[in-house]
Amino acid sequence: MWSRPPFALFVVVGVSTDVINKILEEAFRGTQFSLNPFWLPSSDDYSDAPKKGPVGGEAVEGAKPPVPSSYKSPFTGNSAEDVAGWVRYKPKDVELDIHFFAVLDRSAERGKVVICSQGGDELRDMDVLEFLRLDAEVAAAEVCTAQPGTWEGVIASRGGVRVEY
């Protein structure tokens, strides 16, 4: 597999928990109700990050709505480049895809998710960061099924985007 859930979901601007819950519900729909693909961090020290299980074990799932109304993102005010580094340097026992993650920016209010890819065409140049804004349902489907060549095709057809801080 070129991509593997769960994918970190970083809230980098003020977004209500109602919006976050709607995004998570739509993302679940995008996997044909098979798993929750996005994990929502509640700390910046990896303490609540999903841990790797036994090889061949059950798939690790992301966050299941509803998110508590008291949720506050530890990444509000961070840039996409900042959170890319957080993913890149995660501990080895943390079960998060290193090449794909998602960002909730101002477009989240419109049901959009910014899917971020780091690594370039071959997933080897970690300084290459690409962004794609999609509806949450489509974003989950795209990132869960990303394959060499198809991701680049989607970026080329939809054009890269900038994160809306």
N, C-alpha and C. Protein backbone atom coordinates (compact mmCIF):
# COMPACT_ATOMS: atom_id res chain seq x y z
N MET A 1 0.84 -1.19 0.00
CA MET A 1 0.00 0.00 0.00
C MET A 1 0.87 1.24 0.00
N TRP A 2 0.45 2.21 -0.75
CA TRP A 2 1.18 3.47 -0.83
C TRP A 2 0.80 4.40 0.31
N SER A 3 -0.41 4.28 0.79
CA SER A 3 -0.86 5.06 1.95
C SER A 3 -1.51 4.09 2.93
N ARG A 4 -1.49 4.47 4.21
CA ARG A 4 -2.03 3.57 5.23
C ARG A 4 -2.64 4.38 6.36
N PRO A 5 -3.95 4.20 6.60
CA PRO A 5 -4.58 4.90 7.72
C PRO A 5 -4.03 4.38 9.04
N PRO A 6 -4.13 5.14 10.10
CA PRO A 6 -4.80 6.44 10.16
C PRO A 6 -3.89 7.58 9.70
N PHE A 7 -4.55 8.66 9.30
CA PHE A 7 -3.87 9.87 8.86
C PHE A 7 -4.12 10.95 9.90
N ALA A 8 -3.06 11.64 10.31
CA ALA A 8 -3.23 12.72 11.28
C ALA A 8 -4.09 13.82 10.67
N LEU A 9 -4.97 14.38 11.48
CA LEU A 9 -5.84 15.49 11.08
C LEU A 9 -5.54 16.66 12.00
N PHE A 10 -4.91 17.69 11.46
CA PHE A 10 -4.49 18.84 12.25
C PHE A 10 -5.44 20.01 12.06
N VAL A 11 -5.95 20.53 13.15
CA VAL A 11 -6.79 21.73 13.12
C VAL A 11 -5.85 22.90 13.37
N VAL A 12 -5.60 23.71 12.33
CA VAL A 12 -4.61 24.79 12.43
C VAL A 12 -5.24 26.17 12.59
N VAL A 13 -6.57 26.24 12.55
CA VAL A 13 -7.30 27.49 12.78
C VAL A 13 -8.45 27.17 13.72
N GLY A 14 -9.11 28.20 14.24
CA GLY A 14 -10.26 27.98 15.11
C GLY A 14 -11.41 27.36 14.34
N VAL A 15 -11.74 26.11 14.66
CA VAL A 15 -12.85 25.40 14.03
C VAL A 15 -13.69 24.79 15.15
N SER A 16 -15.00 24.92 15.06
CA SER A 16 -15.87 24.39 16.11
C SER A 16 -15.87 22.86 16.09
N THR A 17 -16.20 22.27 17.23
CA THR A 17 -16.28 20.81 17.29
C THR A 17 -17.43 20.30 16.43
N ASP A 18 -18.47 21.10 16.23
CA ASP A 18 -19.55 20.68 15.32
C ASP A 18 -19.01 20.47 13.91
N VAL A 19 -18.17 21.38 13.46
CA VAL A 19 -17.56 21.27 12.13
C VAL A 19 -16.63 20.06 12.08
N ILE A 20 -15.82 19.89 13.11
CA ILE A 20 -14.90 18.74 13.16
C ILE A 20 -15.70 17.44 13.09
N ASN A 21 -16.77 17.34 13.87
CA ASN A 21 -17.60 16.14 13.86
C ASN A 21 -18.20 15.86 12.49
N LYS A 22 -18.66 16.90 11.83
CA LYS A 22 -19.23 16.73 10.48
C LYS A 22 -18.16 16.23 9.51
N ILE A 23 -16.96 16.79 9.60
CA ILE A 23 -15.83 16.35 8.75
C ILE A 23 -15.53 14.86 9.01
N LEU A 24 -15.45 14.47 10.27
CA LEU A 24 -15.16 13.07 10.61
C LEU A 24 -16.25 12.14 10.10
N GLU A 25 -17.52 12.55 10.23
CA GLU A 25 -18.63 11.74 9.74
C GLU A 25 -18.56 11.57 8.22
N GLU A 26 -18.29 12.66 7.52
CA GLU A 26 -18.18 12.60 6.06
C GLU A 26 -16.99 11.74 5.63
N ALA A 27 -15.89 11.84 6.35
CA ALA A 27 -14.70 11.03 6.03
C ALA A 27 -15.01 9.54 6.20
N PHE A 28 -15.74 9.20 7.25
CA PHE A 28 -16.15 7.81 7.47
C PHE A 28 -16.98 7.32 6.28
N ARG A 29 -17.87 8.16 5.80
CA ARG A 29 -18.67 7.84 4.62
C ARG A 29 -17.76 7.59 3.40
N GLY A 30 -16.67 8.36 3.31
CA GLY A 30 -15.75 8.23 2.18
C GLY A 30 -14.99 6.91 2.14
N THR A 31 -14.96 6.20 3.26
CA THR A 31 -14.34 4.87 3.29
C THR A 31 -15.41 3.78 3.15
N GLN A 32 -16.59 4.17 2.70
CA GLN A 32 -17.74 3.27 2.59
C GLN A 32 -18.07 2.65 3.94
N PHE A 33 -17.96 3.49 4.98
CA PHE A 33 -18.31 3.12 6.35
C PHE A 33 -17.46 1.98 6.89
N SER A 34 -16.21 1.86 6.40
CA SER A 34 -15.36 0.75 6.83
C SER A 34 -14.42 1.12 7.97
N LEU A 35 -13.97 2.39 8.03
CA LEU A 35 -13.10 2.81 9.13
C LEU A 35 -13.05 4.33 9.20
N ASN A 36 -12.63 4.81 10.35
CA ASN A 36 -12.43 6.24 10.55
C ASN A 36 -10.98 6.54 10.20
N PRO A 37 -10.74 7.22 9.06
CA PRO A 37 -9.37 7.35 8.56
C PRO A 37 -8.52 8.43 9.22
N PHE A 38 -9.16 9.43 9.85
CA PHE A 38 -8.41 10.57 10.37
C PHE A 38 -8.31 10.52 11.89
N TRP A 39 -7.08 10.66 12.38
CA TRP A 39 -6.84 10.71 13.82
C TRP A 39 -6.62 12.16 14.22
N LEU A 40 -7.28 12.59 15.27
CA LEU A 40 -7.26 13.97 15.74
C LEU A 40 -6.42 14.07 17.01
N PRO A 41 -5.24 14.70 16.95
CA PRO A 41 -4.39 14.78 18.15
C PRO A 41 -4.96 15.74 19.19
N SER A 42 -4.82 15.34 20.45
CA SER A 42 -5.24 16.24 21.53
C SER A 42 -4.04 16.75 22.31
N SER A 43 -2.84 16.29 21.94
CA SER A 43 -1.61 16.81 22.54
C SER A 43 -0.55 16.87 21.44
N ASP A 44 0.50 17.63 21.70
CA ASP A 44 1.55 17.74 20.69
C ASP A 44 2.78 16.90 21.02
N ASP A 45 2.65 16.01 22.01
CA ASP A 45 3.81 15.22 22.44
C ASP A 45 3.70 13.73 22.08
N TYR A 46 2.76 13.38 21.21
CA TYR A 46 2.54 12.01 20.73
C TYR A 46 1.96 11.08 21.80
N SER A 47 1.66 11.59 23.00
CA SER A 47 1.21 10.71 24.08
C SER A 47 -0.13 10.05 23.77
N ASP A 48 -0.97 10.68 22.98
CA ASP A 48 -2.27 10.09 22.65
C ASP A 48 -2.31 9.52 21.23
N ALA A 49 -1.16 9.48 20.58
CA ALA A 49 -1.09 8.98 19.20
C ALA A 49 -1.35 7.48 19.16
N PRO A 50 -1.98 6.99 18.09
CA PRO A 50 -2.19 5.55 17.98
C PRO A 50 -0.86 4.82 17.88
N LYS A 51 -0.78 3.69 18.55
CA LYS A 51 0.45 2.90 18.56
C LYS A 51 0.31 1.70 17.62
N LYS A 52 1.45 1.29 17.07
CA LYS A 52 1.47 0.14 16.17
C LYS A 52 1.08 -1.12 16.93
N GLY A 53 0.25 -1.93 16.28
CA GLY A 53 -0.15 -3.21 16.84
C GLY A 53 0.67 -4.32 16.23
N PRO A 54 0.27 -5.56 16.49
CA PRO A 54 0.99 -6.69 15.91
C PRO A 54 0.82 -6.72 14.39
N VAL A 55 1.84 -7.19 13.70
CA VAL A 55 1.78 -7.31 12.24
C VAL A 55 0.61 -8.22 11.87
N GLY A 56 -0.19 -7.76 10.94
CA GLY A 56 -1.36 -8.54 10.53
C GLY A 56 -2.54 -8.39 11.47
N GLY A 57 -2.38 -7.54 12.48
CA GLY A 57 -3.46 -7.31 13.43
C GLY A 57 -4.52 -6.39 12.84
N GLU A 58 -5.49 -6.07 13.67
CA GLU A 58 -6.57 -5.19 13.24
C GLU A 58 -6.04 -3.83 12.83
N ALA A 59 -6.69 -3.24 11.84
CA ALA A 59 -6.31 -1.89 11.40
C ALA A 59 -6.56 -0.90 12.53
N VAL A 60 -5.65 0.04 12.66
CA VAL A 60 -5.80 1.09 13.67
C VAL A 60 -6.72 2.15 13.09
N GLU A 61 -7.72 2.53 13.86
CA GLU A 61 -8.67 3.54 13.38
C GLU A 61 -8.33 4.91 13.92
N GLY A 62 -8.87 5.90 13.25
CA GLY A 62 -8.73 7.27 13.68
C GLY A 62 -9.82 7.66 14.67
N ALA A 63 -10.08 8.95 14.74
CA ALA A 63 -11.05 9.50 15.69
C ALA A 63 -12.48 9.17 15.27
N LYS A 64 -13.28 8.79 16.26
CA LYS A 64 -14.70 8.55 16.02
C LYS A 64 -15.48 9.71 16.61
N PRO A 65 -16.38 10.29 15.82
CA PRO A 65 -17.20 11.36 16.38
C PRO A 65 -18.19 10.76 17.39
N PRO A 66 -18.64 11.53 18.34
CA PRO A 66 -18.42 12.97 18.47
C PRO A 66 -17.15 13.30 19.24
N VAL A 67 -16.51 14.37 18.81
CA VAL A 67 -15.37 14.93 19.52
C VAL A 67 -15.93 15.70 20.71
N PRO A 68 -15.33 15.60 21.89
CA PRO A 68 -15.85 16.35 23.03
C PRO A 68 -15.92 17.85 22.74
N SER A 69 -16.96 18.50 23.23
CA SER A 69 -17.13 19.94 22.98
C SER A 69 -15.99 20.76 23.57
N SER A 70 -15.25 20.18 24.50
CA SER A 70 -14.12 20.88 25.13
C SER A 70 -12.82 20.76 24.31
N TYR A 71 -12.86 20.03 23.19
CA TYR A 71 -11.64 19.80 22.40
C TYR A 71 -11.02 21.12 21.93
N LYS A 72 -9.72 21.23 22.13
CA LYS A 72 -8.92 22.35 21.62
C LYS A 72 -7.70 21.75 20.94
N SER A 73 -7.48 22.14 19.71
CA SER A 73 -6.34 21.61 18.96
C SER A 73 -5.03 22.19 19.48
N PRO A 74 -4.05 21.34 19.75
CA PRO A 74 -2.73 21.84 20.16
C PRO A 74 -1.95 22.43 18.98
N PHE A 75 -2.51 22.35 17.77
CA PHE A 75 -1.81 22.81 16.58
C PHE A 75 -2.40 24.08 15.97
N THR A 76 -3.36 24.68 16.66
CA THR A 76 -3.92 25.95 16.18
C THR A 76 -2.79 26.97 16.11
N GLY A 77 -2.69 27.65 14.98
CA GLY A 77 -1.64 28.64 14.78
C GLY A 77 -0.39 28.09 14.11
N ASN A 78 -0.32 26.77 13.96
CA ASN A 78 0.83 26.15 13.27
C ASN A 78 0.60 26.19 11.76
N SER A 79 1.68 26.10 11.02
CA SER A 79 1.59 26.04 9.56
C SER A 79 1.56 24.57 9.12
N ALA A 80 1.19 24.36 7.88
CA ALA A 80 1.22 23.01 7.31
C ALA A 80 2.64 22.45 7.34
N GLU A 81 3.61 23.31 7.12
CA GLU A 81 5.02 22.88 7.18
C GLU A 81 5.39 22.43 8.59
N ASP A 82 4.88 23.13 9.60
CA ASP A 82 5.14 22.74 10.99
C ASP A 82 4.60 21.34 11.28
N VAL A 83 3.35 21.11 10.90
CA VAL A 83 2.74 19.81 11.21
C VAL A 83 3.34 18.70 10.35
N ALA A 84 3.82 19.04 9.16
CA ALA A 84 4.51 18.04 8.33
C ALA A 84 5.75 17.53 9.08
N GLY A 85 6.47 18.43 9.71
CA GLY A 85 7.62 18.03 10.51
C GLY A 85 7.23 17.16 11.68
N TRP A 86 6.11 17.47 12.31
CA TRP A 86 5.61 16.69 13.44
C TRP A 86 5.36 15.25 12.99
N VAL A 87 4.74 15.09 11.83
CA VAL A 87 4.47 13.75 11.30
C VAL A 87 5.78 13.06 10.91
N ARG A 88 6.64 13.79 10.25
CA ARG A 88 7.91 13.23 9.76
C ARG A 88 8.76 12.67 10.89
N TYR A 89 8.77 13.34 12.03
CA TYR A 89 9.65 12.94 13.13
C TYR A 89 8.93 12.20 14.24
N LYS A 90 7.81 11.59 13.93
CA LYS A 90 7.05 10.83 14.92
C LYS A 90 7.88 9.65 15.43
N PRO A 91 7.64 9.22 16.66
CA PRO A 91 8.33 8.03 17.16
C PRO A 91 7.99 6.79 16.32
N LYS A 92 8.88 5.83 16.29
CA LYS A 92 8.70 4.63 15.46
C LYS A 92 7.48 3.80 15.86
N ASP A 93 7.07 3.87 17.14
CA ASP A 93 5.93 3.07 17.57
C ASP A 93 4.58 3.73 17.30
N VAL A 94 4.59 4.92 16.72
CA VAL A 94 3.35 5.64 16.42
C VAL A 94 2.82 5.20 15.06
N GLU A 95 1.56 4.81 15.04
CA GLU A 95 0.91 4.31 13.82
C GLU A 95 0.17 5.45 13.13
N LEU A 96 0.92 6.22 12.35
CA LEU A 96 0.36 7.28 11.51
C LEU A 96 1.09 7.25 10.18
N ASP A 97 0.36 7.47 9.10
CA ASP A 97 1.00 7.54 7.79
C ASP A 97 1.96 8.72 7.79
N ILE A 98 3.18 8.51 7.33
CA ILE A 98 4.20 9.56 7.34
C ILE A 98 4.13 10.46 6.10
N HIS A 99 3.52 9.98 5.04
CA HIS A 99 3.50 10.74 3.79
C HIS A 99 2.21 11.53 3.56
N PHE A 100 1.11 11.10 4.16
CA PHE A 100 -0.16 11.78 3.96
C PHE A 100 -0.75 12.18 5.30
N PHE A 101 -1.27 13.38 5.37
CA PHE A 101 -1.99 13.86 6.55
C PHE A 101 -2.99 14.90 6.07
N ALA A 102 -3.82 15.35 6.98
CA ALA A 102 -4.87 16.30 6.61
C ALA A 102 -4.82 17.52 7.53
N VAL A 103 -5.27 18.63 6.98
CA VAL A 103 -5.32 19.90 7.71
C VAL A 103 -6.73 20.47 7.60
N LEU A 104 -7.25 20.94 8.72
CA LEU A 104 -8.48 21.71 8.70
C LEU A 104 -8.09 23.17 8.80
N ASP A 105 -8.38 23.90 7.71
CA ASP A 105 -8.13 25.33 7.68
C ASP A 105 -9.48 26.04 7.61
N ARG A 106 -9.51 27.29 7.18
CA ARG A 106 -10.77 28.03 7.12
C ARG A 106 -11.81 27.37 6.22
N SER A 107 -11.36 26.60 5.25
CA SER A 107 -12.31 25.95 4.34
C SER A 107 -13.09 24.82 5.01
N ALA A 108 -12.71 24.42 6.22
CA ALA A 108 -13.44 23.37 6.94
C ALA A 108 -14.89 23.78 7.17
N GLU A 109 -15.14 25.06 7.33
CA GLU A 109 -16.51 25.56 7.52
C GLU A 109 -17.37 25.22 6.31
N ARG A 110 -16.75 24.99 5.16
CA ARG A 110 -17.47 24.62 3.93
C ARG A 110 -17.39 23.11 3.68
N GLY A 111 -16.96 22.34 4.68
CA GLY A 111 -16.88 20.89 4.56
C GLY A 111 -15.64 20.40 3.84
N LYS A 112 -14.63 21.25 3.73
CA LYS A 112 -13.42 20.90 2.99
C LYS A 112 -12.29 20.45 3.93
N VAL A 113 -11.45 19.59 3.39
CA VAL A 113 -10.26 19.11 4.07
C VAL A 113 -9.09 19.34 3.12
N VAL A 114 -7.95 19.77 3.66
CA VAL A 114 -6.75 19.88 2.85
C VAL A 114 -5.92 18.62 3.08
N ILE A 115 -5.79 17.82 2.04
CA ILE A 115 -4.94 16.64 2.12
C ILE A 115 -3.53 17.08 1.75
N CYS A 116 -2.57 16.69 2.56
CA CYS A 116 -1.18 17.07 2.35
C CYS A 116 -0.37 15.80 2.08
N SER A 117 0.52 15.91 1.13
CA SER A 117 1.42 14.82 0.78
C SER A 117 2.84 15.33 0.91
N GLN A 118 3.67 14.58 1.62
CA GLN A 118 5.09 14.94 1.68
C GLN A 118 5.91 13.78 1.14
N GLY A 119 6.86 14.11 0.29
CA GLY A 119 7.73 13.09 -0.26
C GLY A 119 7.86 13.11 -1.77
N GLY A 120 7.01 13.88 -2.44
CA GLY A 120 7.11 13.94 -3.90
C GLY A 120 6.60 12.68 -4.57
N ASP A 121 6.85 12.58 -5.87
CA ASP A 121 6.33 11.47 -6.68
C ASP A 121 6.74 10.10 -6.17
N GLU A 122 7.95 9.99 -5.69
CA GLU A 122 8.46 8.70 -5.22
C GLU A 122 8.39 8.56 -3.70
N LEU A 123 7.82 9.54 -3.02
CA LEU A 123 7.73 9.56 -1.56
C LEU A 123 9.10 9.50 -0.90
N ARG A 124 10.10 10.08 -1.56
CA ARG A 124 11.46 10.05 -1.03
C ARG A 124 12.01 11.42 -0.66
N ASP A 125 11.50 12.47 -1.25
CA ASP A 125 12.00 13.82 -0.99
C ASP A 125 11.05 14.50 -0.01
N MET A 126 11.35 14.36 1.27
CA MET A 126 10.44 14.83 2.31
C MET A 126 10.31 16.35 2.36
N ASP A 127 11.09 17.05 1.59
CA ASP A 127 10.95 18.51 1.52
C ASP A 127 9.85 18.93 0.54
N VAL A 128 9.36 17.99 -0.26
CA VAL A 128 8.29 18.30 -1.21
C VAL A 128 6.95 18.13 -0.49
N LEU A 129 6.18 19.21 -0.45
CA LEU A 129 4.89 19.22 0.22
C LEU A 129 3.84 19.69 -0.79
N GLU A 130 2.81 18.87 -1.00
CA GLU A 130 1.74 19.20 -1.94
C GLU A 130 0.41 19.21 -1.20
N PHE A 131 -0.50 20.07 -1.64
CA PHE A 131 -1.79 20.23 -0.97
C PHE A 131 -2.92 20.07 -1.97
N LEU A 132 -4.00 19.47 -1.51
CA LEU A 132 -5.19 19.27 -2.32
C LEU A 132 -6.41 19.48 -1.43
N ARG A 133 -7.30 20.38 -1.82
CA ARG A 133 -8.51 20.66 -1.03
C ARG A 133 -9.68 19.91 -1.64
N LEU A 134 -10.35 19.10 -0.82
CA LEU A 134 -11.47 18.29 -1.28
C LEU A 134 -12.56 18.26 -0.23
N ASP A 135 -13.79 17.89 -0.65
CA ASP A 135 -14.84 17.60 0.32
C ASP A 135 -14.34 16.46 1.19
N ALA A 136 -14.75 16.44 2.46
CA ALA A 136 -14.24 15.45 3.41
C ALA A 136 -14.44 14.01 2.94
N GLU A 137 -15.60 13.72 2.37
CA GLU A 137 -15.87 12.35 1.91
C GLU A 137 -14.92 11.95 0.79
N VAL A 138 -14.73 12.83 -0.17
CA VAL A 138 -13.83 12.55 -1.30
C VAL A 138 -12.38 12.51 -0.81
N ALA A 139 -12.02 13.39 0.11
CA ALA A 139 -10.66 13.42 0.65
C ALA A 139 -10.29 12.09 1.28
N ALA A 140 -11.20 11.53 2.07
CA ALA A 140 -10.94 10.24 2.72
C ALA A 140 -10.75 9.15 1.67
N ALA A 141 -11.61 9.13 0.67
CA ALA A 141 -11.50 8.11 -0.37
C ALA A 141 -10.18 8.25 -1.13
N GLU A 142 -9.81 9.48 -1.47
CA GLU A 142 -8.56 9.71 -2.23
C GLU A 142 -7.33 9.28 -1.44
N VAL A 143 -7.25 9.70 -0.18
CA VAL A 143 -6.04 9.42 0.59
C VAL A 143 -5.94 7.94 0.96
N CYS A 144 -7.07 7.29 1.18
CA CYS A 144 -7.04 5.87 1.52
C CYS A 144 -6.68 4.98 0.33
N THR A 145 -6.88 5.49 -0.87
CA THR A 145 -6.60 4.69 -2.07
C THR A 145 -5.46 5.25 -2.91
N ALA A 146 -4.71 6.19 -2.36
CA ALA A 146 -3.62 6.82 -3.11
C ALA A 146 -2.63 5.77 -3.61
N GLN A 147 -2.27 5.90 -4.86
CA GLN A 147 -1.31 5.00 -5.50
C GLN A 147 -0.34 5.85 -6.32
N PRO A 148 0.87 5.34 -6.57
CA PRO A 148 1.80 6.08 -7.43
C PRO A 148 1.13 6.39 -8.78
N GLY A 149 1.26 7.61 -9.21
CA GLY A 149 0.68 8.02 -10.47
C GLY A 149 -0.71 8.61 -10.33
N THR A 150 -1.56 7.97 -9.50
CA THR A 150 -2.92 8.50 -9.36
C THR A 150 -2.92 9.78 -8.55
N TRP A 151 -2.11 9.83 -7.48
CA TRP A 151 -2.06 11.04 -6.66
C TRP A 151 -1.59 12.22 -7.49
N GLU A 152 -0.53 12.01 -8.27
CA GLU A 152 -0.01 13.08 -9.11
C GLU A 152 -1.06 13.52 -10.13
N GLY A 153 -1.83 12.56 -10.65
CA GLY A 153 -2.88 12.88 -11.59
C GLY A 153 -3.98 13.74 -10.97
N VAL A 154 -4.33 13.42 -9.74
CA VAL A 154 -5.35 14.22 -9.04
C VAL A 154 -4.83 15.62 -8.80
N ILE A 155 -3.59 15.75 -8.35
CA ILE A 155 -2.99 17.07 -8.13
C ILE A 155 -2.98 17.85 -9.44
N ALA A 156 -2.56 17.20 -10.52
CA ALA A 156 -2.47 17.88 -11.82
C ALA A 156 -3.84 18.33 -12.31
N SER A 157 -4.86 17.50 -12.11
CA SER A 157 -6.19 17.84 -12.62
C SER A 157 -6.90 18.89 -11.78
N ARG A 158 -6.63 18.91 -10.49
CA ARG A 158 -7.32 19.85 -9.60
C ARG A 158 -6.46 21.05 -9.23
N GLY A 159 -5.17 20.95 -9.49
CA GLY A 159 -4.26 22.04 -9.15
C GLY A 159 -3.96 22.07 -7.67
N GLY A 160 -2.76 22.46 -7.34
CA GLY A 160 -2.38 22.58 -5.94
C GLY A 160 -3.10 23.76 -5.31
N VAL A 161 -3.18 23.76 -4.00
CA VAL A 161 -3.86 24.83 -3.28
C VAL A 161 -2.95 25.36 -2.18
N ARG A 162 -3.35 26.45 -1.61
CA ARG A 162 -2.68 27.00 -0.43
C ARG A 162 -3.59 26.80 0.78
N VAL A 163 -2.96 26.59 1.92
CA VAL A 163 -3.72 26.46 3.15
C VAL A 163 -4.26 27.84 3.51
N GLU A 164 -5.54 27.90 3.90
CA GLU A 164 -6.20 29.16 4.26
C GLU A 164 -6.13 29.35 5.78
N TYR A 165 -5.18 30.16 6.22
CA TYR A 165 -5.02 30.38 7.67
C TYR A 165 -5.94 31.46 8.17
